[in-house]
């Protein structure tokens, strides 16, 4: 999910949808799930992380989408990802 003009863009494997809800609203709704806010503009599904580039504080989703993780969120991201059970 991506913040977009106070609303959100939601990406699936095939389509993109617009939501009138902000990324903060989505983050609250998805609290305790496999979603994580990596940056003020991005909320990601941990099950789609295929690579972590620690030296650059980046993640790769589905082997093709590269996103930066905010420095202040990096440590928490690493903890959450390590606890994440990919079988879910």
N, C-alpha and C. Protein backbone atom coordinates (compact mmCIF):
# COMPACT_ATOMS: atom_id res chain seq x y z
N UNK A 1 0.84 -1.17 0.00
CA UNK A 1 0.00 0.00 0.00
C UNK A 1 0.89 1.23 0.00
N UNK A 2 0.41 2.23 -0.68
CA UNK A 2 1.18 3.46 -0.79
C UNK A 2 0.29 4.66 -0.46
N UNK A 3 0.85 5.60 0.31
CA UNK A 3 0.13 6.84 0.60
C UNK A 3 0.02 7.64 -0.69
N UNK A 4 -1.16 8.24 -0.89
CA UNK A 4 -1.38 9.01 -2.11
C UNK A 4 -2.38 10.13 -1.85
N UNK A 5 -1.89 11.34 -1.73
CA UNK A 5 -2.74 12.53 -1.54
C UNK A 5 -3.73 12.36 -0.38
N UNK A 6 -3.26 11.86 0.75
CA UNK A 6 -4.12 11.67 1.91
C UNK A 6 -4.99 10.44 1.85
N UNK A 7 -4.90 9.73 0.76
CA UNK A 7 -5.64 8.48 0.58
C UNK A 7 -4.62 7.37 0.39
N UNK A 8 -5.02 6.27 -0.22
CA UNK A 8 -4.09 5.15 -0.40
C UNK A 8 -4.26 4.50 -1.76
N UNK A 9 -3.15 3.96 -2.24
CA UNK A 9 -3.16 3.09 -3.40
C UNK A 9 -2.88 1.69 -2.85
N UNK A 10 -3.67 0.73 -3.26
CA UNK A 10 -3.50 -0.65 -2.82
C UNK A 10 -3.13 -1.48 -4.04
N UNK A 11 -1.95 -2.11 -3.94
CA UNK A 11 -1.46 -2.91 -5.06
C UNK A 11 -1.66 -4.39 -4.77
N UNK A 12 -2.19 -5.10 -5.74
CA UNK A 12 -2.27 -6.55 -5.66
C UNK A 12 -1.33 -7.07 -6.75
N UNK A 13 -1.22 -8.34 -6.90
CA UNK A 13 -0.35 -8.88 -7.93
C UNK A 13 -0.75 -8.46 -9.33
N UNK A 14 -2.02 -8.14 -9.52
CA UNK A 14 -2.52 -7.85 -10.85
C UNK A 14 -3.08 -6.45 -11.06
N UNK A 15 -3.57 -5.84 -9.99
CA UNK A 15 -4.26 -4.56 -10.14
C UNK A 15 -3.85 -3.56 -9.07
N UNK A 16 -4.27 -2.31 -9.29
CA UNK A 16 -4.10 -1.26 -8.30
C UNK A 16 -5.47 -0.67 -8.01
N UNK A 17 -5.75 -0.43 -6.73
CA UNK A 17 -7.01 0.14 -6.31
C UNK A 17 -6.74 1.41 -5.52
N UNK A 18 -7.67 2.34 -5.55
CA UNK A 18 -7.60 3.53 -4.73
C UNK A 18 -8.54 3.36 -3.54
N UNK A 19 -8.11 3.86 -2.39
CA UNK A 19 -8.94 3.83 -1.20
C UNK A 19 -8.99 5.24 -0.63
N UNK A 20 -10.15 5.65 -0.15
CA UNK A 20 -10.28 6.96 0.47
C UNK A 20 -9.68 6.99 1.86
N UNK A 21 -9.35 5.82 2.40
CA UNK A 21 -8.75 5.75 3.73
C UNK A 21 -7.26 6.03 3.65
N UNK A 22 -6.75 6.72 4.66
CA UNK A 22 -5.32 7.03 4.68
C UNK A 22 -4.51 5.80 5.05
N UNK A 23 -3.22 5.88 4.84
CA UNK A 23 -2.34 4.79 5.20
C UNK A 23 -2.36 4.56 6.72
N UNK A 24 -2.49 5.63 7.48
CA UNK A 24 -2.59 5.51 8.94
C UNK A 24 -3.84 4.72 9.33
N UNK A 25 -4.96 4.97 8.67
CA UNK A 25 -6.19 4.22 8.95
C UNK A 25 -6.00 2.74 8.63
N UNK A 26 -5.35 2.45 7.50
CA UNK A 26 -5.08 1.06 7.13
C UNK A 26 -4.13 0.42 8.13
N UNK A 27 -3.12 1.17 8.55
CA UNK A 27 -2.16 0.63 9.51
C UNK A 27 -2.87 0.24 10.82
N UNK A 28 -3.78 1.06 11.28
CA UNK A 28 -4.54 0.74 12.50
C UNK A 28 -5.43 -0.48 12.30
N UNK A 29 -6.08 -0.57 11.14
CA UNK A 29 -6.95 -1.73 10.85
C UNK A 29 -6.16 -3.03 10.78
N UNK A 30 -4.94 -2.94 10.29
CA UNK A 30 -4.12 -4.14 10.06
C UNK A 30 -3.14 -4.42 11.20
N UNK A 31 -3.27 -3.70 12.30
CA UNK A 31 -2.39 -3.90 13.45
C UNK A 31 -2.47 -5.35 13.92
N UNK A 32 -1.32 -5.94 14.17
CA UNK A 32 -1.28 -7.33 14.63
C UNK A 32 -1.33 -8.36 13.51
N UNK A 33 -1.30 -7.89 12.27
CA UNK A 33 -1.30 -8.80 11.13
C UNK A 33 0.11 -8.83 10.52
N UNK A 34 0.23 -9.37 9.34
CA UNK A 34 1.52 -9.48 8.66
C UNK A 34 1.86 -8.25 7.81
N UNK A 35 1.23 -7.11 8.12
CA UNK A 35 1.57 -5.86 7.44
C UNK A 35 2.46 -5.02 8.33
N UNK A 36 3.38 -4.28 7.71
CA UNK A 36 4.31 -3.45 8.47
C UNK A 36 4.54 -2.13 7.73
N UNK A 37 4.55 -1.04 8.49
CA UNK A 37 4.79 0.29 7.93
C UNK A 37 6.30 0.51 7.85
N UNK A 38 6.85 0.46 6.64
CA UNK A 38 8.30 0.60 6.48
C UNK A 38 8.74 2.04 6.30
N UNK A 39 7.79 2.91 6.00
CA UNK A 39 8.12 4.29 5.64
C UNK A 39 6.82 5.08 5.75
N UNK A 40 6.92 6.39 5.83
CA UNK A 40 5.68 7.18 5.93
C UNK A 40 4.76 6.97 4.73
N UNK A 41 5.32 6.51 3.63
CA UNK A 41 4.53 6.33 2.42
C UNK A 41 4.17 4.89 2.08
N UNK A 42 4.70 3.91 2.84
CA UNK A 42 4.48 2.52 2.46
C UNK A 42 4.14 1.61 3.63
N UNK A 43 3.14 0.77 3.41
CA UNK A 43 2.74 -0.30 4.32
C UNK A 43 2.83 -1.58 3.47
N UNK A 44 3.65 -2.54 3.93
CA UNK A 44 3.88 -3.73 3.10
C UNK A 44 3.37 -5.00 3.76
N UNK A 45 3.11 -5.98 2.94
CA UNK A 45 2.75 -7.32 3.38
C UNK A 45 4.04 -8.12 3.50
N UNK A 46 4.39 -8.54 4.71
CA UNK A 46 5.65 -9.24 4.94
C UNK A 46 5.76 -10.53 4.14
N UNK A 47 4.64 -11.12 3.78
CA UNK A 47 4.70 -12.37 3.02
C UNK A 47 5.21 -12.17 1.60
N UNK A 48 5.32 -10.92 1.15
CA UNK A 48 5.82 -10.64 -0.20
C UNK A 48 7.29 -10.22 -0.22
N UNK A 49 7.93 -10.16 0.95
CA UNK A 49 9.34 -9.79 1.01
C UNK A 49 10.17 -10.98 0.53
N UNK A 50 10.92 -10.77 -0.53
CA UNK A 50 11.76 -11.84 -1.08
C UNK A 50 13.24 -11.59 -0.85
N UNK A 51 13.59 -10.36 -0.48
CA UNK A 51 15.00 -10.04 -0.25
C UNK A 51 15.09 -8.84 0.68
N UNK A 52 16.12 -8.85 1.51
CA UNK A 52 16.41 -7.72 2.39
C UNK A 52 17.83 -7.27 2.07
N UNK A 53 17.99 -5.99 1.76
CA UNK A 53 19.31 -5.44 1.46
C UNK A 53 19.70 -4.56 2.63
N UNK A 54 20.34 -5.17 3.62
CA UNK A 54 20.67 -4.48 4.87
C UNK A 54 21.55 -3.27 4.67
N UNK A 55 22.53 -3.38 3.80
CA UNK A 55 23.48 -2.27 3.60
C UNK A 55 22.80 -1.01 3.08
N UNK A 56 21.64 -1.16 2.45
CA UNK A 56 20.93 -0.01 1.89
C UNK A 56 19.59 0.25 2.57
N UNK A 57 19.27 -0.56 3.60
CA UNK A 57 17.97 -0.45 4.28
C UNK A 57 16.82 -0.54 3.28
N UNK A 58 16.85 -1.59 2.47
CA UNK A 58 15.83 -1.79 1.45
C UNK A 58 15.25 -3.20 1.53
N UNK A 59 14.03 -3.31 1.02
CA UNK A 59 13.40 -4.62 0.87
C UNK A 59 13.00 -4.78 -0.60
N UNK A 60 12.93 -6.03 -1.03
CA UNK A 60 12.47 -6.33 -2.38
C UNK A 60 11.20 -7.16 -2.22
N UNK A 61 10.15 -6.74 -2.89
CA UNK A 61 8.87 -7.44 -2.84
C UNK A 61 8.68 -8.23 -4.13
N UNK A 62 8.32 -9.49 -3.97
CA UNK A 62 8.03 -10.37 -5.11
C UNK A 62 9.17 -10.40 -6.14
N UNK A 63 10.38 -10.18 -5.67
CA UNK A 63 11.54 -10.27 -6.55
C UNK A 63 11.72 -9.13 -7.53
N UNK A 64 10.88 -8.09 -7.43
CA UNK A 64 10.99 -7.03 -8.43
C UNK A 64 10.78 -5.61 -7.93
N UNK A 65 10.08 -5.41 -6.84
CA UNK A 65 9.79 -4.06 -6.36
C UNK A 65 10.71 -3.74 -5.19
N UNK A 66 11.55 -2.74 -5.35
CA UNK A 66 12.53 -2.38 -4.33
C UNK A 66 12.05 -1.11 -3.61
N UNK A 67 11.97 -1.19 -2.28
CA UNK A 67 11.51 -0.06 -1.47
C UNK A 67 12.48 0.21 -0.33
N UNK A 68 12.64 1.47 0.01
CA UNK A 68 13.48 1.86 1.15
C UNK A 68 12.70 1.73 2.45
N UNK A 69 13.39 1.28 3.47
CA UNK A 69 12.84 1.23 4.82
C UNK A 69 13.42 2.42 5.58
N UNK A 70 12.57 3.20 6.23
CA UNK A 70 13.04 4.36 6.98
C UNK A 70 14.05 3.91 8.04
N UNK A 71 15.09 4.68 8.22
CA UNK A 71 16.12 4.31 9.20
C UNK A 71 15.54 4.08 10.58
N UNK A 72 14.61 4.93 10.98
CA UNK A 72 14.04 4.80 12.32
C UNK A 72 13.13 3.58 12.46
N UNK A 73 12.74 2.97 11.35
CA UNK A 73 11.89 1.78 11.38
C UNK A 73 12.68 0.49 11.09
N UNK A 74 13.96 0.63 10.73
CA UNK A 74 14.75 -0.51 10.29
C UNK A 74 14.85 -1.61 11.34
N UNK A 75 15.21 -1.26 12.56
CA UNK A 75 15.38 -2.27 13.61
C UNK A 75 14.08 -2.99 13.90
N UNK A 76 12.98 -2.25 14.00
CA UNK A 76 11.69 -2.87 14.25
C UNK A 76 11.27 -3.75 13.07
N UNK A 77 11.56 -3.30 11.86
CA UNK A 77 11.27 -4.13 10.68
C UNK A 77 12.01 -5.46 10.77
N UNK A 78 13.29 -5.42 11.08
CA UNK A 78 14.08 -6.64 11.17
C UNK A 78 13.50 -7.59 12.24
N UNK A 79 13.12 -7.04 13.38
CA UNK A 79 12.54 -7.86 14.45
C UNK A 79 11.23 -8.50 13.99
N UNK A 80 10.36 -7.68 13.40
CA UNK A 80 9.06 -8.20 12.94
C UNK A 80 9.23 -9.25 11.85
N UNK A 81 10.15 -9.00 10.92
CA UNK A 81 10.34 -9.94 9.83
C UNK A 81 10.90 -11.26 10.36
N UNK A 82 11.80 -11.20 11.31
CA UNK A 82 12.38 -12.43 11.88
C UNK A 82 11.32 -13.24 12.63
N UNK A 83 10.35 -12.56 13.24
CA UNK A 83 9.27 -13.24 13.97
C UNK A 83 8.17 -13.72 13.04
N UNK A 84 8.11 -13.15 11.85
CA UNK A 84 7.03 -13.47 10.91
C UNK A 84 7.14 -14.93 10.46
N UNK A 85 6.03 -15.61 10.51
CA UNK A 85 5.95 -17.00 10.10
C UNK A 85 5.46 -17.07 8.66
N UNK A 86 6.34 -17.37 7.74
CA UNK A 86 5.99 -17.38 6.31
C UNK A 86 4.96 -18.44 5.94
N UNK A 87 4.67 -19.36 6.83
CA UNK A 87 3.67 -20.39 6.52
C UNK A 87 2.25 -19.88 6.67
N UNK A 88 2.08 -18.68 7.22
CA UNK A 88 0.73 -18.12 7.42
C UNK A 88 0.13 -17.67 6.13
